[in-house]
């Protein structure tokens, strides 16, 4: 199958995904070839596609041209390699969540420990309130390789502010308005999973009251970082 550049937006996504996959490694979120990141993009006709990691390829071997382009039903449109085994799940999320521009899957160890217990991560840290707006929920145990995981992601996150879901006995899936935001959510999910695990070793963590969760979340989402700052003069 041809891998000649055809779509500038897709090619930019391919380049970005190389760095984002390496950030999963740098943050200890994946082992061997597990895990994946995808991004929503548009082809030359303006049709929506997804760009995703190929299946079973070492992270160090990833290049922009190894990334695979699929339509939003998971059919390969461009690329010489087979796409991730999670492609159907990603595609389902994109079809049913038009606000999502990036999807990430990891097997990060502390978050997976919570998933193995079928236990949501309780909102007991301000960083959780900021990023997730409440507890990180648990999705159902499903088959792998079709859209069952995608269905579980969409159903579980319906009505939740959390961009992360712990799929029972499996691992973490995160979403975001773009792929970088989804990777950030995956990094933060593992960070709070570890901290709350440690808290449980000392006793029962104290939950943050719901009104404070709302205040923390609204402040962080609206004012943290750089928002429409005037350009520096001179």
Protein backbone atom coordinates (compact mmCIF):
# COMPACT_ATOMS: atom_id res chain seq x y z
CA UNK A 1 0.00 0.00 0.00
CA UNK A 2 1.33 3.45 -0.88
CA UNK A 3 2.78 5.62 1.86
CA UNK A 4 3.40 8.71 -0.24
CA UNK A 5 2.45 11.97 1.52
CA UNK A 6 -1.04 13.00 0.48
CA UNK A 7 -2.55 14.95 3.35
CA UNK A 8 -0.61 17.73 5.12
CA UNK A 9 -2.82 17.49 8.23
CA UNK A 10 -2.33 13.75 8.43
CA UNK A 11 1.40 14.04 7.92
CA UNK A 12 1.59 16.54 10.80
CA UNK A 13 -0.32 14.09 13.01
CA UNK A 14 2.06 11.30 12.05
CA UNK A 15 5.04 13.41 13.09
CA UNK A 16 3.44 14.41 16.39
CA UNK A 17 2.52 10.82 17.25
CA UNK A 18 6.15 9.71 17.14
CA UNK A 19 7.02 12.12 19.96
CA UNK A 20 3.85 11.35 21.91
CA UNK A 21 4.52 7.62 21.83
CA UNK A 22 8.02 8.20 23.12
CA UNK A 23 6.56 10.26 25.96
CA UNK A 24 4.62 7.16 27.06
CA UNK A 25 7.95 5.37 27.39
CA UNK A 26 9.61 8.31 29.13
CA UNK A 27 6.81 8.41 31.73
CA UNK A 28 6.86 4.66 32.39
CA UNK A 29 3.32 4.11 31.11
CA UNK A 30 4.02 1.21 28.71
CA UNK A 31 6.13 -1.93 28.48
CA UNK A 32 7.63 -3.52 25.36
CA UNK A 33 5.24 -2.75 22.45
CA UNK A 34 2.02 -2.35 24.48
CA UNK A 35 -0.04 0.83 24.39
CA UNK A 36 -0.91 3.27 21.66
CA UNK A 37 -1.84 6.85 20.82
CA UNK A 38 -4.14 7.98 18.03
CA UNK A 39 -5.13 11.37 16.64
CA UNK A 40 -8.10 12.59 14.65
CA UNK A 41 -7.12 14.32 11.41
CA UNK A 42 -8.58 15.25 8.01
CA UNK A 43 -7.61 14.02 4.57
CA UNK A 44 -7.31 16.13 1.43
CA UNK A 45 -11.08 15.99 0.92
CA UNK A 46 -11.77 17.18 4.44
CA UNK A 47 -12.98 13.76 5.56
CA UNK A 48 -12.12 12.73 9.11
CA UNK A 49 -9.58 9.95 9.61
CA UNK A 50 -7.58 8.61 12.51
CA UNK A 51 -3.82 8.11 12.67
CA UNK A 52 -2.56 5.37 14.98
CA UNK A 53 0.49 3.33 15.97
CA UNK A 54 1.12 0.09 14.06
CA UNK A 55 0.63 -3.16 15.95
CA UNK A 56 3.56 -4.81 17.73
CA UNK A 57 6.27 -2.38 16.66
CA UNK A 58 9.02 -1.31 19.09
CA UNK A 59 8.68 2.28 20.21
CA UNK A 60 12.26 3.02 19.19
CA UNK A 61 11.44 1.92 15.64
CA UNK A 62 8.47 4.26 15.19
CA UNK A 63 8.69 6.92 12.50
CA UNK A 64 6.13 9.21 10.94
CA UNK A 65 5.83 6.87 7.97
CA UNK A 66 5.16 3.80 10.12
CA UNK A 67 1.98 5.40 11.51
CA UNK A 68 -1.19 4.01 9.94
CA UNK A 69 -4.12 6.06 8.64
CA UNK A 70 -7.62 4.59 8.95
CA UNK A 71 -11.13 5.80 8.39
CA UNK A 72 -13.41 6.16 11.40
CA UNK A 73 -14.50 2.54 11.04
CA UNK A 74 -10.94 1.26 11.29
CA UNK A 75 -10.35 0.48 7.60
CA UNK A 76 -6.73 1.14 6.60
CA UNK A 77 -6.41 3.98 4.10
CA UNK A 78 -2.66 4.54 4.11
CA UNK A 79 0.32 2.68 5.56
CA UNK A 80 2.34 -0.47 5.01
CA UNK A 81 1.81 -1.98 8.47
CA UNK A 82 -1.19 -3.36 10.33
CA UNK A 83 -2.73 -0.84 12.72
CA UNK A 84 -2.98 -1.31 16.48
CA UNK A 85 -5.27 -4.09 17.69
CA UNK A 86 -7.16 -1.32 19.53
CA UNK A 87 -8.01 0.55 16.32
CA UNK A 88 -11.69 -0.44 16.35
CA UNK A 89 -12.00 0.87 19.91
CA UNK A 90 -10.39 4.19 18.99
CA UNK A 91 -12.58 4.46 15.90
CA UNK A 92 -15.73 3.90 17.95
CA UNK A 93 -14.75 6.70 20.32
CA UNK A 94 -14.13 9.12 17.46
CA UNK A 95 -17.45 8.27 15.81
CA UNK A 96 -19.44 8.79 19.00
CA UNK A 97 -17.46 11.61 20.64
CA UNK A 98 -16.92 14.39 18.10
CA UNK A 99 -15.25 16.46 20.82
CA UNK A 100 -12.40 13.93 21.08
CA UNK A 101 -9.27 14.59 19.04
CA UNK A 102 -6.94 12.07 20.65
CA UNK A 103 -7.15 8.67 22.36
CA UNK A 104 -4.45 6.93 24.43
CA UNK A 105 -4.18 3.41 25.81
CA UNK A 106 -1.62 2.37 28.42
CA UNK A 107 -0.95 -0.46 30.84
CA UNK A 108 0.61 1.80 33.47
CA UNK A 109 1.21 -0.27 36.61
CA UNK A 110 -0.50 1.63 39.42
CA UNK A 111 -3.59 2.46 37.38
CA UNK A 112 -3.76 -1.15 36.20
CA UNK A 113 -3.72 -2.27 39.83
CA UNK A 114 -6.89 -0.26 40.41
CA UNK A 115 -8.39 -1.68 37.21
CA UNK A 116 -7.62 -5.21 38.41
CA UNK A 117 -9.64 -4.48 41.56
CA UNK A 118 -12.53 -2.96 39.54
CA UNK A 119 -12.15 0.02 41.87
CA UNK A 120 -12.49 3.68 40.83
CA UNK A 121 -9.69 5.96 41.99
CA UNK A 122 -11.36 8.24 44.56
CA UNK A 123 -10.97 12.00 44.30
CA UNK A 124 -8.79 12.64 47.34
CA UNK A 125 -6.18 14.97 45.83
CA UNK A 126 -6.51 18.49 44.47
CA UNK A 127 -4.62 17.36 41.35
CA UNK A 128 -7.42 14.85 40.72
CA UNK A 129 -10.08 17.50 41.14
CA UNK A 130 -8.15 19.76 38.76
CA UNK A 131 -7.58 17.25 35.99
CA UNK A 132 -10.43 14.74 36.34
CA UNK A 133 -13.19 16.67 38.10
CA UNK A 134 -13.94 13.72 40.36
CA UNK A 135 -13.05 10.04 40.68
CA UNK A 136 -11.58 8.10 37.76
CA UNK A 137 -14.28 5.56 36.85
CA UNK A 138 -14.02 1.89 35.97
CA UNK A 139 -15.34 0.57 32.66
CA UNK A 140 -16.47 -2.99 31.91
CA UNK A 141 -14.33 -6.02 31.18
CA UNK A 142 -14.70 -6.58 27.43
CA UNK A 143 -13.16 -8.45 24.54
CA UNK A 144 -10.13 -6.98 22.77
CA UNK A 145 -9.83 -6.41 19.04
CA UNK A 146 -13.31 -5.17 18.17
CA UNK A 147 -15.26 -2.08 19.19
CA UNK A 148 -16.34 -3.48 22.59
CA UNK A 149 -13.72 -1.45 24.45
CA UNK A 150 -14.76 1.69 22.58
CA UNK A 151 -18.37 1.10 23.59
CA UNK A 152 -17.29 0.69 27.19
CA UNK A 153 -15.22 3.88 27.11
CA UNK A 154 -18.04 5.99 25.69
CA UNK A 155 -20.70 4.55 27.99
CA UNK A 156 -18.57 4.88 31.13
CA UNK A 157 -17.45 8.44 30.47
CA UNK A 158 -20.95 9.63 29.60
CA UNK A 159 -21.76 12.25 32.23
CA UNK A 160 -18.24 12.19 33.71
CA UNK A 161 -15.74 15.01 33.57
CA UNK A 162 -12.88 12.52 33.75
CA UNK A 163 -10.83 12.14 30.55
CA UNK A 164 -9.62 8.76 31.87
CA UNK A 165 -11.30 5.41 32.37
CA UNK A 166 -9.89 2.24 33.94
CA UNK A 167 -11.10 -0.67 31.83
CA UNK A 168 -11.61 -3.56 34.24
CA UNK A 169 -8.80 -6.17 34.27
CA UNK A 170 -7.16 -4.40 31.37
CA UNK A 171 -5.73 -0.91 31.53
CA UNK A 172 -6.18 2.81 31.01
CA UNK A 173 -7.83 4.67 28.16
CA UNK A 174 -7.77 8.45 28.04
CA UNK A 175 -9.31 11.00 25.72
CA UNK A 176 -8.67 14.66 24.98
CA UNK A 177 -9.43 17.47 22.56
CA UNK A 178 -6.15 16.52 20.90
CA UNK A 179 -3.63 13.71 21.21
CA UNK A 180 -1.27 15.68 23.46
CA UNK A 181 -4.07 16.36 25.95
CA UNK A 182 -4.96 12.67 25.98
CA UNK A 183 -1.32 11.78 26.74
CA UNK A 184 -1.28 14.32 29.56
CA UNK A 185 -4.39 12.68 31.02
CA UNK A 186 -2.66 9.28 30.88
CA UNK A 187 0.41 10.66 32.66
CA UNK A 188 -1.74 12.30 35.35
CA UNK A 189 -3.87 9.17 35.75
CA UNK A 190 -0.82 7.08 36.63
CA UNK A 191 0.53 9.81 38.91
CA UNK A 192 -2.64 10.01 41.02
CA UNK A 193 -3.13 6.22 40.94
CA UNK A 194 0.30 5.87 42.55
CA UNK A 195 -0.27 8.60 45.14
CA UNK A 196 -3.70 7.31 46.18
CA UNK A 197 -2.29 3.78 46.40
CA UNK A 198 0.35 5.06 48.82
CA UNK A 199 -2.33 6.87 50.82
CA UNK A 200 -4.23 3.62 51.20
CA UNK A 201 -1.16 2.05 52.79
CA UNK A 202 -1.42 4.63 55.59
CA UNK A 203 -5.16 4.46 56.15
CA UNK A 204 -8.39 5.56 54.49
CA UNK A 205 -7.90 8.65 52.29
CA UNK A 206 -10.28 11.52 52.99
CA UNK A 207 -12.41 12.56 49.98
CA UNK A 208 -12.59 16.17 48.84
CA UNK A 209 -16.09 17.65 49.29
CA UNK A 210 -18.02 17.89 46.01
CA UNK A 211 -18.30 21.69 46.11
CA UNK A 212 -14.53 22.02 46.46
CA UNK A 213 -13.99 19.53 43.64
CA UNK A 214 -16.11 21.79 41.43
CA UNK A 215 -14.18 24.88 42.48
CA UNK A 216 -10.80 23.24 41.92
CA UNK A 217 -11.86 21.84 38.55
CA UNK A 218 -13.36 25.10 37.27
CA UNK A 219 -10.35 27.13 38.37
CA UNK A 220 -7.84 24.76 36.81
CA UNK A 221 -9.72 24.31 33.55
CA UNK A 222 -10.34 28.03 33.07
CA UNK A 223 -7.28 29.80 34.43
CA UNK A 224 -4.28 27.48 34.78
CA UNK A 225 -1.46 28.07 32.30
CA UNK A 226 -1.46 30.60 29.50
CA UNK A 227 -4.89 31.69 28.28
CA UNK A 228 -5.12 34.41 25.66
CA UNK A 229 -2.18 36.29 27.07
CA UNK A 230 -1.19 39.42 25.12
CA UNK A 231 1.86 39.00 22.94
CA UNK A 232 5.04 40.40 24.52
CA UNK A 233 6.00 43.84 23.26
CA UNK A 234 9.39 44.66 21.88
